[in-house]
Amino acid sequence: QRLLGQPAHWVAGHFDPLLAEHVRRLREYSAPDRVLVVEITNPPRPLLAQRARAELVAALAMVDYVVLKDGGAASDDAAVTERFIQHVLRRHRPEGTG
C-alpha cells in the first residue's frame, strides 16, 4: 500500500554479513524513478540477527524500504556470502596448511 503504484525493484537476500559487493549490487538496482525494496531473508546459520541485518541495510541511502521474511532462501546472496567465507578462510589459514 505504501508504494501506491510507484515502480519498484524488489531485491531479496541474507546480507549476512552485509558486504561491499551487496552495496554495489543494491546501487545498481536503484534508480531515481523507482523505489528499492529489500527483503531480508534468513540463512540456515545466521551470523547476525535478522533485525540487525535489516537495520544495516535500511541505513543505506539507496534503500527505500526493508521488509523481513520468515524462512526461505535468497536469489544469489548465498553465493556472495559463501565467496566471502572462503576468502576469509584462505586469508586466515595457518601457514603451511595450503
Protein backbone atom coordinates (compact mmCIF):
# COMPACT_ATOMS: atom_id res chain seq x y z
CA GLN A 1 0.00 0.00 0.00
CA ARG A 2 2.86 2.39 0.71
CA LEU A 3 4.13 2.13 -2.85
CA LEU A 4 0.79 3.35 -4.29
CA GLY A 5 1.55 2.26 -7.82
CA GLN A 6 5.13 3.56 -7.89
CA PRO A 7 7.55 1.47 -9.94
CA ALA A 8 9.64 -0.64 -7.59
CA HIS A 9 12.55 -3.05 -7.68
CA TRP A 10 12.30 -5.85 -5.10
CA VAL A 11 15.59 -7.47 -4.02
CA ALA A 12 15.87 -10.37 -1.57
CA GLY A 13 18.97 -11.50 0.27
CA HIS A 14 20.51 -12.64 3.54
CA PHE A 15 23.01 -9.76 3.80
CA ASP A 16 24.79 -11.83 6.44
CA PRO A 17 27.18 -10.17 6.73
CA LEU A 18 26.50 -7.02 4.72
CA LEU A 19 29.40 -6.75 2.26
CA ALA A 20 30.67 -4.13 -0.17
CA GLU A 21 29.51 -6.39 -3.03
CA HIS A 22 25.96 -6.23 -1.64
CA VAL A 23 26.11 -2.43 -1.54
CA ARG A 24 27.39 -2.28 -5.13
CA ARG A 25 24.56 -4.52 -6.32
CA LEU A 26 21.93 -2.53 -4.46
CA ARG A 27 23.32 0.65 -6.00
CA GLU A 28 22.93 -0.96 -9.45
CA TYR A 29 19.28 -1.77 -8.69
CA SER A 30 18.44 1.74 -7.51
CA ALA A 31 17.08 4.39 -9.86
CA PRO A 32 15.63 7.87 -9.28
CA ASP A 33 12.26 6.88 -10.77
CA ARG A 34 11.96 3.58 -8.89
CA VAL A 35 11.55 2.54 -5.26
CA LEU A 36 14.10 0.00 -3.96
CA VAL A 37 12.59 -2.56 -1.57
CA VAL A 38 14.97 -5.02 0.11
CA GLU A 39 13.68 -8.23 1.66
CA ILE A 40 15.89 -9.67 4.40
CA THR A 41 15.82 -13.48 4.43
CA ASN A 42 17.39 -15.88 6.89
CA PRO A 43 20.31 -18.16 6.04
CA PRO A 44 20.49 -21.57 7.72
CA ARG A 45 23.03 -20.36 10.33
CA PRO A 46 22.98 -16.56 10.52
CA LEU A 47 25.95 -14.61 11.84
CA LEU A 48 23.80 -11.59 12.71
CA ALA A 49 20.20 -11.40 13.85
CA GLN A 50 17.72 -10.61 11.07
CA ARG A 51 16.71 -7.35 12.76
CA ALA A 52 20.37 -6.20 12.91
CA ARG A 53 20.87 -7.00 9.21
CA ALA A 54 17.67 -5.11 8.38
CA GLU A 55 18.90 -2.04 10.27
CA LEU A 56 22.23 -2.09 8.41
CA VAL A 57 20.55 -2.39 5.01
CA ALA A 58 17.98 0.29 5.90
CA ALA A 59 20.83 2.70 6.68
CA LEU A 60 21.98 2.60 3.04
CA ALA A 61 20.93 5.75 1.19
CA MET A 62 19.69 3.91 -1.92
CA VAL A 63 17.26 1.66 0.02
CA ASP A 64 13.70 2.94 0.37
CA TYR A 65 12.04 0.08 2.29
CA VAL A 66 13.20 -3.03 4.14
CA VAL A 67 10.96 -5.98 4.89
CA LEU A 68 11.66 -9.10 6.93
CA LYS A 69 10.83 -12.56 5.64
CA ASP A 70 10.45 -15.72 7.70
CA GLY A 71 12.49 -18.58 6.29
CA GLY A 72 13.14 -19.08 2.60
CA ALA A 73 16.23 -18.62 0.51
CA ALA A 74 17.53 -15.61 -1.35
CA SER A 75 18.44 -15.50 -5.01
CA ASP A 76 22.22 -15.38 -5.35
CA ASP A 77 23.01 -13.82 -1.96
CA ALA A 78 24.07 -17.19 -0.57
CA ALA A 79 26.80 -17.33 -3.22
CA VAL A 80 28.07 -13.87 -2.20
CA THR A 81 28.28 -14.97 1.42
CA GLU A 82 29.96 -18.26 0.53
CA ARG A 83 32.64 -16.46 -1.52
CA PHE A 84 33.25 -14.14 1.44
CA ILE A 85 33.57 -17.05 3.86
CA GLN A 86 36.02 -18.87 1.56
CA HIS A 87 38.06 -15.66 1.18
CA VAL A 88 38.27 -15.23 4.96
CA LEU A 89 39.24 -18.86 5.44
CA ARG A 90 42.02 -18.60 2.83
CA ARG A 91 43.35 -15.39 4.37
CA HIS A 92 43.39 -16.80 7.90
CA ARG A 93 44.60 -20.31 7.18
CA PRO A 94 47.65 -21.13 9.32
CA GLU A 95 50.88 -21.08 7.34
CA GLY A 96 51.94 -24.39 5.92
CA THR A 97 48.40 -25.78 5.62
CA GLY A 98 47.91 -24.93 1.94
